[in-house]
């Protein structure tokens, strides 16, 4: 299992459009993907509704967890997306 912390810089946070891109990207990997908000709530990274339930706003710190055969690649691509995501 790998984990990486990311600070959300998108002014609108992680809302539907970028959340959907994240979920679709997460589904391309064989590894299990989870996202945790600053309050310690952890959800599946492949569920848009669960991801949105975290209420991730600009400036929030989130942790992305990956576990599986392609966990390193998954973690790198998913965290890079969160860092660079746009509306």
Protein backbone atom coordinates (compact mmCIF):
# COMPACT_ATOMS: atom_id res chain seq x y z
CA UNK A 1 0.00 0.00 0.00
CA UNK A 2 1.16 3.50 -0.82
CA UNK A 3 -0.14 6.84 0.40
CA UNK A 4 0.50 10.46 -0.54
CA UNK A 5 -0.83 13.73 0.85
CA UNK A 6 -1.99 16.47 -1.52
CA UNK A 7 -3.18 20.04 -0.95
CA UNK A 8 -6.10 21.02 -3.19
CA UNK A 9 -5.38 24.30 -4.97
CA UNK A 10 -8.39 24.41 -7.30
CA UNK A 11 -10.46 27.45 -6.27
CA UNK A 12 -13.67 25.39 -6.45
CA UNK A 13 -12.25 22.34 -4.70
CA UNK A 14 -13.04 18.84 -5.85
CA UNK A 15 -16.48 19.21 -7.37
CA UNK A 16 -18.42 17.13 -9.92
CA UNK A 17 -16.46 17.75 -13.12
CA UNK A 18 -12.92 17.17 -11.80
CA UNK A 19 -14.27 14.50 -9.45
CA UNK A 20 -15.61 12.58 -12.42
CA UNK A 21 -12.24 12.80 -14.17
CA UNK A 22 -10.53 11.52 -11.00
CA UNK A 23 -12.96 8.59 -10.68
CA UNK A 24 -12.58 7.62 -14.33
CA UNK A 25 -8.79 7.75 -14.01
CA UNK A 26 -8.91 5.66 -10.82
CA UNK A 27 -10.97 3.02 -12.63
CA UNK A 28 -8.17 2.53 -15.20
CA UNK A 29 -5.95 0.94 -12.56
CA UNK A 30 -6.13 -2.54 -11.06
CA UNK A 31 -5.22 -1.19 -7.63
CA UNK A 32 -7.72 -0.26 -4.96
CA UNK A 33 -7.94 3.54 -4.64
CA UNK A 34 -9.16 5.42 -1.57
CA UNK A 35 -9.27 9.11 -0.69
CA UNK A 36 -9.30 10.51 2.84
CA UNK A 37 -10.26 14.05 3.85
CA UNK A 38 -8.77 16.08 6.70
CA UNK A 39 -11.40 14.74 9.13
CA UNK A 40 -10.26 11.16 8.60
CA UNK A 41 -13.22 10.06 6.47
CA UNK A 42 -11.98 7.59 3.83
CA UNK A 43 -13.97 6.57 0.73
CA UNK A 44 -13.51 4.58 -2.47
CA UNK A 45 -11.83 6.66 -5.15
CA UNK A 46 -13.91 4.95 -7.82
CA UNK A 47 -17.25 6.32 -6.57
CA UNK A 48 -18.12 9.89 -7.55
CA UNK A 49 -20.87 10.21 -4.94
CA UNK A 50 -18.62 8.99 -2.15
CA UNK A 51 -15.79 11.22 -3.32
CA UNK A 52 -18.07 14.27 -3.37
CA UNK A 53 -19.34 13.38 0.11
CA UNK A 54 -15.88 14.30 1.45
CA UNK A 55 -16.60 17.99 0.78
CA UNK A 56 -13.08 18.76 -0.42
CA UNK A 57 -12.59 22.53 -0.73
CA UNK A 58 -9.68 24.71 -1.85
CA UNK A 59 -6.82 24.48 0.63
CA UNK A 60 -7.91 21.07 1.96
CA UNK A 61 -5.32 18.39 2.53
CA UNK A 62 -6.32 14.94 1.30
CA UNK A 63 -4.59 11.59 1.36
CA UNK A 64 -4.72 9.22 -1.59
CA UNK A 65 -4.18 5.52 -0.89
CA UNK A 66 -3.43 2.90 -3.53
CA UNK A 67 -3.02 -0.82 -2.99
CA UNK A 68 -2.36 -3.36 -5.71
CA UNK A 69 -0.11 -4.39 -8.58
CA UNK A 70 0.03 -0.91 -10.16
CA UNK A 71 -0.18 1.11 -6.93
CA UNK A 72 2.89 3.27 -7.60
CA UNK A 73 1.76 4.36 -11.05
CA UNK A 74 -1.82 4.86 -9.84
CA UNK A 75 -0.71 7.01 -6.91
CA UNK A 76 1.53 9.15 -9.09
CA UNK A 77 -1.07 9.81 -11.78
CA UNK A 78 -3.96 10.40 -9.37
CA UNK A 79 -2.05 12.79 -7.10
CA UNK A 80 -0.64 14.68 -10.08
CA UNK A 81 -4.18 15.10 -11.36
CA UNK A 82 -5.34 16.50 -8.01
CA UNK A 83 -2.43 18.93 -7.91
CA UNK A 84 -3.05 20.22 -11.43
CA UNK A 85 -6.85 19.84 -11.73
CA UNK A 86 -8.80 22.67 -13.25
CA UNK A 87 -12.48 23.47 -13.45
